[in-house]
C-alpha cells in the first residue's frame, strides 16, 4: 500500500484530484455508517434480551411447564404458599430463559442477564442517553460504563437519574472512552444524593479477590479493596521494589521486581503453614511426558482451573509435592480411564474422578470449578438413577435447580458426551476439557 502526504511542495498531490477526494469521502462515510449500525444493533440486541427476560418473568410456562397452583387439588410438598411458588417460578423462568438464549447466541446466561439489565437501566434511568445508543451514536465502552454507574444510583431517586442523564447525554457521544469515564465518574458523584461515607461502608462489603487466566502460563490477580488499603499495599510493594532495584547486581526491571515482591509477600512461609495448614495445587502431567518418552511432541502439563503450563514448571512443583495421585489416561485420546484409590469410601474416589472428567460445572456456558459444585444424578436417584460415573455430573448451586426445576433436559449421546436441550428446543453438546 502506498501512502501520500498532503504537503507536496509542488502542489500536485494525488489527493488534490477530485476523483481521489471523492473516493476518500465515500470510504469515510461508509466507515461512519457501519460503526453506527453496529452500535445501534448492539443496543437493540440488549433491548430484545431484556424484553425476552421480562416475558419469562411474567409468563414462565414455556420454560417451566404449566403452573401447578392452578390445579385446586395440588399441594406443594415444601409447604410454600401460592404467592411464594409463583414468585419462585418467575425468578426461575428468567434464569432458564437467560440460559436458553445463551445457548442460541453462544453466550453464558450471566452475560445475557447482564446485557438485559444494561438495557433496562439505560432505558429507565438514562432515557436521553439511551436514545443516542439506539441511534448508534455512543461507543460501546461508553454505553457499558454509563449503565454501570447509573445502576449504582439510588433506586428511588429519579432526580439523581435525571441529573446524571443530562450530564452524560452529550459527552457520551463525543468523548473517547478514557475521557468519558473520568467525566462520568465526576457526574455520578455530583448526582448521587447519598453521602460518600454511607456508600463506602456498603461498597466495602463487596471486597473480593479474583484470578483470571492469561496466556503463556501467566495469570492476573484482581483485588477490590478499600482505596486506603490499596494505597498501603501499593506503597509497601513500591518501597520494597525500589530498595531491591538499587542493589548492586540487580538486573530485573522495576515492574518485574514489583511482581516478585507481591508473590513473595503472599506465598512465603507463615506460622499457619508451619502448623500444617497449606494450599493444594492440582497439576495433571501426562505419564508419557513425565517419563520423557514423548520427545518434542510432549503434551503440556495442566494446572486445574487454568489450563496448560510449562512442563519445567510442573516438574519443579511435582518434585516438591508431599504426595501424588495417579490419574490414568488413554495415551491416544486423553480419556480418563481410572483414578487411583487412596480413600476407602467410594464416593470420595468417584468425586475425584468426576473432577478430572469435568473440570467445571457442565451447564452450558458455566466455568465454575467442579470442586465447588453439587454432584448431581442426571437421572434422579428417586427415579432409579444409579450413583455411577455415567450418571453423575457436577452442577453449580446456580444451575443445578435450573436443570431440575425447568424444562431443560440432559442426555448422553454416543462416545459418552453430554447434550443439553433447552426448553425452546435448542441444543448444545458439552465442551470437552482441553486435555
Protein backbone atom coordinates (compact mmCIF):
# COMPACT_ATOMS: atom_id res chain seq x y z
CA UNK A 1 0.00 0.00 0.00
CA UNK A 2 1.31 3.47 -0.91
CA UNK A 3 0.70 6.44 1.38
CA UNK A 4 0.64 10.02 0.06
CA UNK A 5 1.24 13.21 2.01
CA UNK A 6 -0.74 16.39 1.52
CA UNK A 7 2.25 18.72 1.96
CA UNK A 8 3.58 18.27 -1.58
CA UNK A 9 5.80 21.32 -2.26
CA UNK A 10 4.83 21.25 -5.93
CA UNK A 11 1.14 21.32 -5.08
CA UNK A 12 0.36 18.28 -7.22
CA UNK A 13 -0.52 15.69 -4.54
CA UNK A 14 -2.75 12.89 -5.89
CA UNK A 15 -5.29 13.77 -3.18
CA UNK A 16 -5.81 17.17 -4.81
CA UNK A 17 -7.57 15.44 -7.68
CA UNK A 18 -11.40 15.45 -7.32
CA UNK A 19 -11.80 11.73 -8.02
CA UNK A 20 -9.40 10.79 -5.18
CA UNK A 21 -11.01 13.15 -2.71
CA UNK A 22 -14.42 11.74 -3.62
CA UNK A 23 -13.24 8.17 -3.07
CA UNK A 24 -11.87 9.10 0.34
CA UNK A 25 -15.12 10.77 1.32
CA UNK A 26 -17.11 7.71 0.27
CA UNK A 27 -14.88 5.35 2.27
CA UNK A 28 -15.04 7.56 5.38
CA UNK A 29 -18.81 7.83 5.14
CA UNK A 30 -19.02 4.04 4.80
CA UNK A 31 -16.97 3.60 7.97
CA UNK A 32 -19.20 6.05 9.84
CA UNK A 33 -22.30 4.18 8.67
CA UNK A 34 -21.02 0.72 9.55
CA UNK A 35 -19.91 1.83 13.03
CA UNK A 36 -23.27 3.44 13.75
CA UNK A 37 -25.14 0.36 12.53
CA UNK A 38 -23.06 -1.92 14.75
CA UNK A 39 -23.60 0.26 17.81
CA UNK A 40 -27.32 0.52 17.13
CA UNK A 41 -27.62 -3.22 16.60
CA UNK A 42 -25.85 -3.89 19.92
CA UNK A 43 -28.31 -1.65 21.76
CA UNK A 44 -31.29 -3.29 20.03
CA UNK A 45 -29.90 -6.72 20.89
CA UNK A 46 -29.69 -5.80 24.59
CA UNK A 47 -33.25 -4.49 24.43
CA UNK A 48 -34.52 -7.74 22.89
CA UNK A 49 -32.76 -9.73 25.61
CA UNK A 50 -34.45 -7.54 28.22
CA UNK A 51 -37.88 -8.00 26.66
CA UNK A 52 -37.48 -11.77 26.47
CA UNK A 53 -36.49 -12.00 30.13
CA UNK A 54 -39.42 -9.76 31.04
CA UNK A 55 -41.67 -12.19 29.21
CA UNK A 56 -40.12 -15.13 31.05
CA UNK A 57 -40.79 -13.34 34.35
CA UNK A 58 -44.50 -12.76 33.60
CA UNK A 59 -45.06 -15.94 31.54
CA UNK A 60 -42.65 -18.65 32.76
CA UNK A 61 -44.68 -21.58 31.40
CA UNK A 62 -42.66 -22.04 28.16
CA UNK A 63 -39.55 -22.65 30.27
CA UNK A 64 -41.04 -24.34 33.35
CA UNK A 65 -44.22 -26.03 32.21
CA UNK A 66 -47.78 -25.33 33.44
CA UNK A 67 -48.33 -23.58 36.75
CA UNK A 68 -49.27 -26.35 39.25
CA UNK A 69 -51.02 -23.87 41.55
CA UNK A 70 -53.86 -23.58 39.02
CA UNK A 71 -54.96 -27.11 39.97
CA UNK A 72 -57.16 -26.85 43.10
CA UNK A 73 -56.18 -30.38 44.13
CA UNK A 74 -52.45 -29.74 44.03
CA UNK A 75 -50.42 -29.02 47.20
CA UNK A 76 -46.80 -28.05 47.47
CA UNK A 77 -44.67 -30.77 49.17
CA UNK A 78 -42.46 -27.98 50.59
CA UNK A 79 -45.37 -26.21 52.21
CA UNK A 80 -44.98 -22.95 50.25
CA UNK A 81 -47.87 -20.59 49.64
CA UNK A 82 -49.27 -19.95 46.17
CA UNK A 83 -47.68 -16.49 46.15
CA UNK A 84 -44.27 -17.93 47.10
CA UNK A 85 -44.47 -20.59 44.38
CA UNK A 86 -45.43 -18.08 41.69
CA UNK A 87 -42.64 -15.71 42.73
CA UNK A 88 -40.18 -18.58 42.57
CA UNK A 89 -41.47 -19.60 39.15
CA UNK A 90 -40.99 -16.07 37.85
CA UNK A 91 -37.39 -15.97 39.05
CA UNK A 92 -36.66 -19.47 37.75
CA UNK A 93 -38.28 -18.59 34.42
CA UNK A 94 -35.83 -15.71 33.99
CA UNK A 95 -32.84 -17.90 34.83
CA UNK A 96 -33.97 -20.64 32.46
CA UNK A 97 -34.75 -18.21 29.63
CA UNK A 98 -31.38 -16.46 30.01
CA UNK A 99 -29.58 -19.79 29.69
CA UNK A 100 -31.80 -20.71 26.75
CA UNK A 101 -30.85 -17.50 24.93
CA UNK A 102 -27.22 -18.09 25.83
CA UNK A 103 -27.19 -21.44 24.03
CA UNK A 104 -28.74 -19.85 20.95
CA UNK A 105 -26.24 -16.98 20.68
CA UNK A 106 -23.17 -18.65 22.27
CA UNK A 107 -23.11 -16.51 25.40
CA UNK A 108 -23.35 -17.51 29.04
CA UNK A 109 -26.61 -16.94 30.90
CA UNK A 110 -24.74 -14.43 33.09
CA UNK A 111 -23.79 -12.40 30.02
CA UNK A 112 -27.37 -12.47 28.73
CA UNK A 113 -28.72 -11.22 32.05
CA UNK A 114 -26.02 -8.57 32.27
CA UNK A 115 -26.83 -7.19 28.83
CA UNK A 116 -30.58 -7.30 29.50
CA UNK A 117 -30.03 -5.47 32.78
CA UNK A 118 -27.95 -2.86 30.96
CA UNK A 119 -30.82 -2.15 28.57
CA UNK A 120 -33.27 -1.91 31.48
CA UNK A 121 -31.07 0.51 33.42
CA UNK A 122 -30.36 2.76 30.44
CA UNK A 123 -33.92 2.84 29.15
CA UNK A 124 -35.44 3.64 32.54
CA UNK A 125 -32.78 5.80 34.23
CA UNK A 126 -30.99 7.45 31.30
CA UNK A 127 -33.62 7.81 28.54
CA UNK A 128 -31.78 10.65 26.75
CA UNK A 129 -28.58 8.66 26.55
CA UNK A 130 -30.48 5.51 25.61
CA UNK A 131 -31.97 7.16 22.55
CA UNK A 132 -28.48 8.12 21.46
CA UNK A 133 -27.44 4.48 21.91
CA UNK A 134 -30.27 3.23 19.72
CA UNK A 135 -29.18 5.71 17.03
CA UNK A 136 -25.68 4.28 17.15
CA UNK A 137 -24.04 7.48 18.37
CA UNK A 138 -22.48 6.17 21.61
CA UNK A 139 -19.33 3.99 21.68
CA UNK A 140 -19.95 0.56 23.21
CA UNK A 141 -17.49 1.22 26.04
CA UNK A 142 -19.28 4.44 26.98
CA UNK A 143 -22.64 2.67 26.91
CA UNK A 144 -21.43 -0.06 29.26
CA UNK A 145 -19.78 2.36 31.71
CA UNK A 146 -22.79 4.69 31.81
CA UNK A 147 -25.05 1.74 32.66
CA UNK A 148 -22.62 0.54 35.32
CA UNK A 149 -22.64 3.93 37.05
CA UNK A 150 -26.37 4.52 36.64
CA UNK A 151 -27.09 1.20 38.34
CA UNK A 152 -25.31 2.47 41.46
CA UNK A 153 -27.64 5.46 41.87
CA UNK A 154 -30.42 5.14 44.48
CA UNK A 155 -33.34 3.08 43.15
CA UNK A 156 -35.93 5.63 44.23
CA UNK A 157 -34.13 8.87 43.31
CA UNK A 158 -35.39 9.89 39.88
CA UNK A 159 -33.91 13.37 40.32
CA UNK A 160 -30.46 11.80 40.54
CA UNK A 161 -31.19 9.74 37.42
CA UNK A 162 -32.26 12.84 35.51
CA UNK A 163 -29.26 14.90 36.59
CA UNK A 164 -26.89 12.10 35.61
CA UNK A 165 -28.66 11.62 32.27
CA UNK A 166 -28.45 15.31 31.41
CA UNK A 167 -24.75 15.36 32.27
CA UNK A 168 -23.91 12.36 30.06
CA UNK A 169 -26.22 12.57 27.04
CA UNK A 170 -23.88 14.83 25.05
CA UNK A 171 -20.42 13.81 26.20
CA UNK A 172 -21.14 10.09 25.76
CA UNK A 173 -21.37 10.67 22.01
CA UNK A 174 -18.24 12.75 21.51
CA UNK A 175 -15.68 11.68 24.12
CA UNK A 176 -13.35 8.71 23.76
CA UNK A 177 -13.84 6.06 26.49
CA UNK A 178 -10.92 7.12 28.68
CA UNK A 179 -12.00 10.75 28.94
CA UNK A 180 -15.66 9.77 29.21
CA UNK A 181 -15.00 7.52 32.19
CA UNK A 182 -13.33 10.38 34.06
CA UNK A 183 -16.16 12.82 33.31
CA UNK A 184 -18.86 10.23 34.05
CA UNK A 185 -17.44 9.39 37.47
CA UNK A 186 -17.42 13.09 38.37
CA UNK A 187 -21.02 13.48 37.14
CA UNK A 188 -22.11 10.48 39.19
CA UNK A 189 -20.59 11.99 42.35
CA UNK A 190 -22.49 15.25 41.77
CA UNK A 191 -25.79 13.48 41.04
CA UNK A 192 -25.68 10.97 43.92
CA UNK A 193 -27.79 12.06 46.88
CA UNK A 194 -26.24 9.67 49.40
CA UNK A 195 -23.11 10.58 51.36
CA UNK A 196 -19.79 9.12 50.31
CA UNK A 197 -19.30 7.65 53.80
CA UNK A 198 -22.51 5.65 53.59
CA UNK A 199 -21.70 4.46 50.08
CA UNK A 200 -18.20 3.42 51.05
CA UNK A 201 -19.44 1.38 54.01
CA UNK A 202 -21.77 -0.53 51.71
CA UNK A 203 -19.22 -0.93 48.92
CA UNK A 204 -16.61 -2.33 51.32
CA UNK A 205 -18.88 -5.31 51.88
CA UNK A 206 -18.23 -6.29 48.24
CA UNK A 207 -14.43 -6.50 48.61
CA UNK A 208 -13.00 -9.53 46.83
CA UNK A 209 -10.07 -11.07 45.00
CA UNK A 210 -10.39 -12.76 41.62
CA UNK A 211 -7.99 -14.72 39.44
CA UNK A 212 -8.10 -14.65 35.63
CA UNK A 213 -6.02 -16.90 33.36
CA UNK A 214 -3.82 -15.11 30.85
CA UNK A 215 -1.53 -16.53 28.15
CA UNK A 216 1.76 -18.41 28.19
CA UNK A 217 1.46 -19.79 31.70
CA UNK A 218 0.57 -16.44 33.28
CA UNK A 219 -2.47 -15.17 35.22
CA UNK A 220 -3.86 -11.89 36.51
CA UNK A 221 -4.90 -11.21 40.10
CA UNK A 222 -7.51 -8.51 40.73
CA UNK A 223 -8.37 -7.20 44.19
CA UNK A 224 -11.26 -4.88 45.02
CA UNK A 225 -10.41 -3.38 48.41
CA UNK A 226 -10.85 -0.02 50.14
CA UNK A 227 -8.75 2.68 48.50
CA UNK A 228 -6.74 3.30 51.67
CA UNK A 229 -5.78 -0.37 51.84
CA UNK A 230 -4.91 -0.38 48.15
CA UNK A 231 -2.67 2.65 48.65
CA UNK A 232 -0.94 0.97 51.58
CA UNK A 233 -0.35 -2.18 49.52
CA UNK A 234 0.99 -0.13 46.63
CA UNK A 235 3.34 1.86 48.87
CA UNK A 236 4.61 -1.31 50.55
CA UNK A 237 5.34 -3.05 47.24
CA UNK A 238 6.84 0.09 45.72
CA UNK A 239 9.16 0.72 48.66
CA UNK A 240 10.47 -2.83 48.71
CA UNK A 241 10.83 -2.93 44.92
CA UNK A 242 12.83 0.29 44.72
CA UNK A 243 15.09 -0.87 47.54
CA UNK A 244 15.85 -4.09 45.68
CA UNK A 245 16.28 -2.26 42.36
CA UNK A 246 19.04 -0.15 43.89
CA UNK A 247 21.09 -3.15 45.00
CA UNK A 248 24.30 -3.90 43.14
CA UNK A 249 23.93 -6.62 40.53
CA UNK A 250 20.13 -6.38 40.28
CA UNK A 251 19.14 -6.96 36.64
CA UNK A 252 15.35 -7.21 36.83
CA UNK A 253 13.16 -4.33 35.69
CA UNK A 254 11.22 -2.42 38.33
CA UNK A 255 7.98 -3.91 37.01
CA UNK A 256 9.36 -7.43 37.37
CA UNK A 257 10.59 -6.71 40.89
CA UNK A 258 7.16 -5.37 41.91
CA UNK A 259 5.54 -8.61 40.72
CA UNK A 260 8.14 -10.74 42.50
CA UNK A 261 7.71 -8.77 45.73
CA UNK A 262 3.94 -9.34 45.65
CA UNK A 263 4.35 -13.07 45.12
CA UNK A 264 6.94 -13.30 47.88
CA UNK A 265 4.78 -11.43 50.38
CA UNK A 266 1.74 -13.63 49.69
CA UNK A 267 3.39 -17.04 49.40
CA UNK A 268 6.32 -17.09 51.79
CA UNK A 269 6.04 -19.49 54.69
CA UNK A 270 3.91 -18.28 57.59
CA UNK A 271 3.07 -19.58 61.03
CA UNK A 272 -0.14 -21.07 59.63
CA UNK A 273 1.83 -23.05 57.07
CA UNK A 274 4.31 -24.24 59.69
CA UNK A 275 1.44 -25.52 61.78
CA UNK A 276 0.27 -27.75 58.96
CA UNK A 277 -2.18 -25.60 57.01
CA UNK A 278 -1.28 -25.34 53.36
CA UNK A 279 -2.89 -24.85 49.99
CA UNK A 280 -3.27 -27.66 47.44
CA UNK A 281 -2.40 -27.18 43.79
CA UNK A 282 -3.72 -29.77 41.32
CA UNK A 283 -1.47 -30.42 38.32
CA UNK A 284 -2.01 -33.10 35.68
CA UNK A 285 1.14 -34.35 33.90
CA UNK A 286 0.69 -36.98 31.15
CA UNK A 287 2.58 -40.14 32.10
CA UNK A 288 4.49 -40.33 28.80
CA UNK A 289 5.57 -36.73 29.23
CA UNK A 290 6.64 -37.32 32.82
CA UNK A 291 8.76 -40.30 31.76
CA UNK A 292 10.36 -38.25 28.98
CA UNK A 293 9.30 -40.65 26.21
CA UNK A 294 7.21 -38.19 24.21
CA UNK A 295 10.12 -36.19 22.79
CA UNK A 296 9.28 -32.93 21.07
CA UNK A 297 5.60 -33.94 20.87
CA UNK A 298 5.26 -33.99 24.67
CA UNK A 299 1.88 -32.73 25.85
CA UNK A 300 1.95 -29.83 28.35
CA UNK A 301 1.02 -30.18 31.99
CA UNK A 302 -2.36 -28.82 33.09
CA UNK A 303 -2.99 -26.63 36.13
CA UNK A 304 -6.52 -27.16 37.47
CA UNK A 305 -8.69 -24.11 36.92
CA UNK A 306 -6.19 -22.54 34.50
CA UNK A 307 -5.00 -24.76 31.66
CA UNK A 308 -1.61 -25.59 30.09
CA UNK A 309 1.56 -24.58 31.96
CA UNK A 310 5.24 -25.13 31.03
CA UNK A 311 6.42 -28.65 31.74
CA UNK A 312 9.53 -27.48 33.59
CA UNK A 313 7.32 -25.52 35.99
CA UNK A 314 5.11 -28.57 36.59
CA UNK A 315 8.08 -30.86 37.15
CA UNK A 316 9.62 -28.44 39.65
CA UNK A 317 6.36 -28.35 41.63
CA UNK A 318 5.95 -32.11 41.35
CA UNK A 319 9.43 -32.68 42.77
CA UNK A 320 8.42 -30.82 45.94
CA UNK A 321 4.94 -32.37 46.21
CA UNK A 322 4.29 -34.18 49.52
CA UNK A 323 2.08 -36.74 47.76
CA UNK A 324 0.95 -37.87 44.31
CA UNK A 325 -2.33 -39.15 42.96
CA UNK A 326 -2.18 -41.27 39.85
CA UNK A 327 -4.64 -40.45 37.05
CA UNK A 328 -4.55 -42.97 34.21
CA UNK A 329 -5.38 -41.56 30.76
CA UNK A 330 -5.54 -43.09 27.31
CA UNK A 331 -2.27 -42.04 25.60
CA UNK A 332 -4.06 -41.59 22.26
CA UNK A 333 -7.39 -39.95 23.15
CA UNK A 334 -6.59 -38.43 26.54
CA UNK A 335 -9.73 -40.00 28.01
CA UNK A 336 -9.56 -40.55 31.77
CA UNK A 337 -9.63 -44.29 32.42
CA UNK A 338 -9.02 -44.62 36.15
CA UNK A 339 -8.16 -42.66 39.28
CA UNK A 340 -6.01 -44.14 42.00
CA UNK A 341 -7.89 -45.03 45.13
CA UNK A 342 -6.45 -43.67 48.36
CA UNK A 343 -9.63 -43.42 50.42
CA UNK A 344 -11.76 -46.40 51.45
CA UNK A 345 -15.08 -44.72 50.76
CA UNK A 346 -16.12 -44.98 47.11
CA UNK A 347 -17.95 -41.61 46.87
CA UNK A 348 -14.71 -39.73 47.54
CA UNK A 349 -12.94 -41.58 44.74
CA UNK A 350 -15.87 -41.09 42.43
CA UNK A 351 -15.99 -37.38 43.07
CA UNK A 352 -12.27 -37.18 42.40
CA UNK A 353 -12.78 -38.97 39.06
CA UNK A 354 -15.62 -36.60 38.15
CA UNK A 355 -13.43 -33.62 38.98
CA UNK A 356 -10.92 -34.80 36.39
CA UNK A 357 -13.54 -35.70 33.77
CA UNK A 358 -15.49 -32.46 34.30
CA UNK A 359 -13.20 -29.61 35.46
CA UNK A 360 -16.17 -27.18 35.59
CA UNK A 361 -19.93 -27.17 36.01
CA UNK A 362 -21.40 -28.99 32.99
CA UNK A 363 -24.18 -26.46 32.41
CA UNK A 364 -23.74 -24.57 29.10
CA UNK A 365 -21.51 -21.51 29.45
CA UNK A 366 -20.64 -22.05 33.12
CA UNK A 367 -16.96 -22.06 34.16
CA UNK A 368 -17.34 -22.53 37.93
CA UNK A 369 -14.86 -25.12 39.18
CA UNK A 370 -16.34 -28.56 39.75
CA UNK A 371 -14.69 -28.59 43.18
CA UNK A 372 -17.34 -26.13 44.36
CA UNK A 373 -20.28 -27.82 42.58
CA UNK A 374 -23.01 -30.23 43.64
CA UNK A 375 -22.66 -33.75 42.27
CA UNK A 376 -26.00 -34.34 40.59
CA UNK A 377 -27.72 -37.51 39.42
CA UNK A 378 -28.51 -36.94 35.74
CA UNK A 379 -31.33 -39.42 36.17
CA UNK A 380 -32.71 -38.74 39.62
CA UNK A 381 -31.99 -41.23 42.36
CA UNK A 382 -35.68 -41.35 43.18
CA UNK A 383 -36.37 -42.39 39.58
CA UNK A 384 -33.87 -45.25 39.65
CA UNK A 385 -30.73 -43.38 38.59
CA UNK A 386 -27.55 -45.12 39.78
CA UNK A 387 -24.70 -43.48 41.65
CA UNK A 388 -22.13 -44.07 38.91
CA UNK A 389 -19.76 -42.11 36.70
CA UNK A 390 -22.11 -42.31 33.73
CA UNK A 391 -24.99 -40.82 35.71
CA UNK A 392 -23.22 -38.17 37.79
CA UNK A 393 -22.21 -34.65 36.76
CA UNK A 394 -21.07 -31.56 38.66
CA UNK A 395 -23.52 -28.65 38.58
CA UNK A 396 -23.09 -25.40 40.48
CA UNK A 397 -25.61 -24.15 43.02
CA UNK A 398 -26.99 -21.69 40.47
CA UNK A 399 -27.55 -24.12 37.60
CA UNK A 400 -28.47 -27.28 39.49
CA UNK A 401 -32.04 -26.08 40.19
CA UNK A 402 -32.40 -24.83 36.60
CA UNK A 403 -31.75 -28.38 35.41
CA UNK A 404 -34.06 -29.95 37.99
CA UNK A 405 -36.94 -27.47 38.08
CA UNK A 406 -37.36 -26.32 34.49
CA UNK A 407 -37.86 -27.97 31.09
CA UNK A 408 -34.14 -28.30 30.36
CA UNK A 409 -33.05 -31.87 29.58
CA UNK A 410 -29.65 -33.57 29.75
CA UNK A 411 -28.80 -36.83 27.99
CA UNK A 412 -25.78 -38.76 26.81
CA UNK A 413 -25.00 -39.23 23.14
CA UNK A 414 -22.58 -41.72 21.54
CA UNK A 415 -19.00 -41.61 22.85
CA UNK A 416 -20.29 -40.55 26.27
CA UNK A 417 -20.63 -36.82 25.61
CA UNK A 418 -23.44 -34.79 27.17
CA UNK A 419 -26.13 -32.99 25.23
CA UNK A 420 -28.27 -30.23 26.71
CA UNK A 421 -31.63 -29.32 25.17
CA UNK A 422 -33.25 -26.02 26.12
CA UNK A 423 -36.98 -25.62 26.86
CA UNK A 424 -37.48 -24.00 23.44
CA UNK A 425 -35.71 -26.76 21.53
CA UNK A 426 -32.15 -25.50 21.01
CA UNK A 427 -29.39 -27.97 21.84
CA UNK A 428 -25.67 -27.91 22.55
CA UNK A 429 -23.04 -30.57 23.20
CA UNK A 430 -20.62 -30.32 26.11
CA UNK A 431 -17.26 -28.72 25.58
CA UNK A 432 -14.65 -31.34 26.42
CA UNK A 433 -11.81 -30.37 28.80
CA UNK A 434 -8.59 -29.32 26.99
CA UNK A 435 -6.54 -32.42 27.83
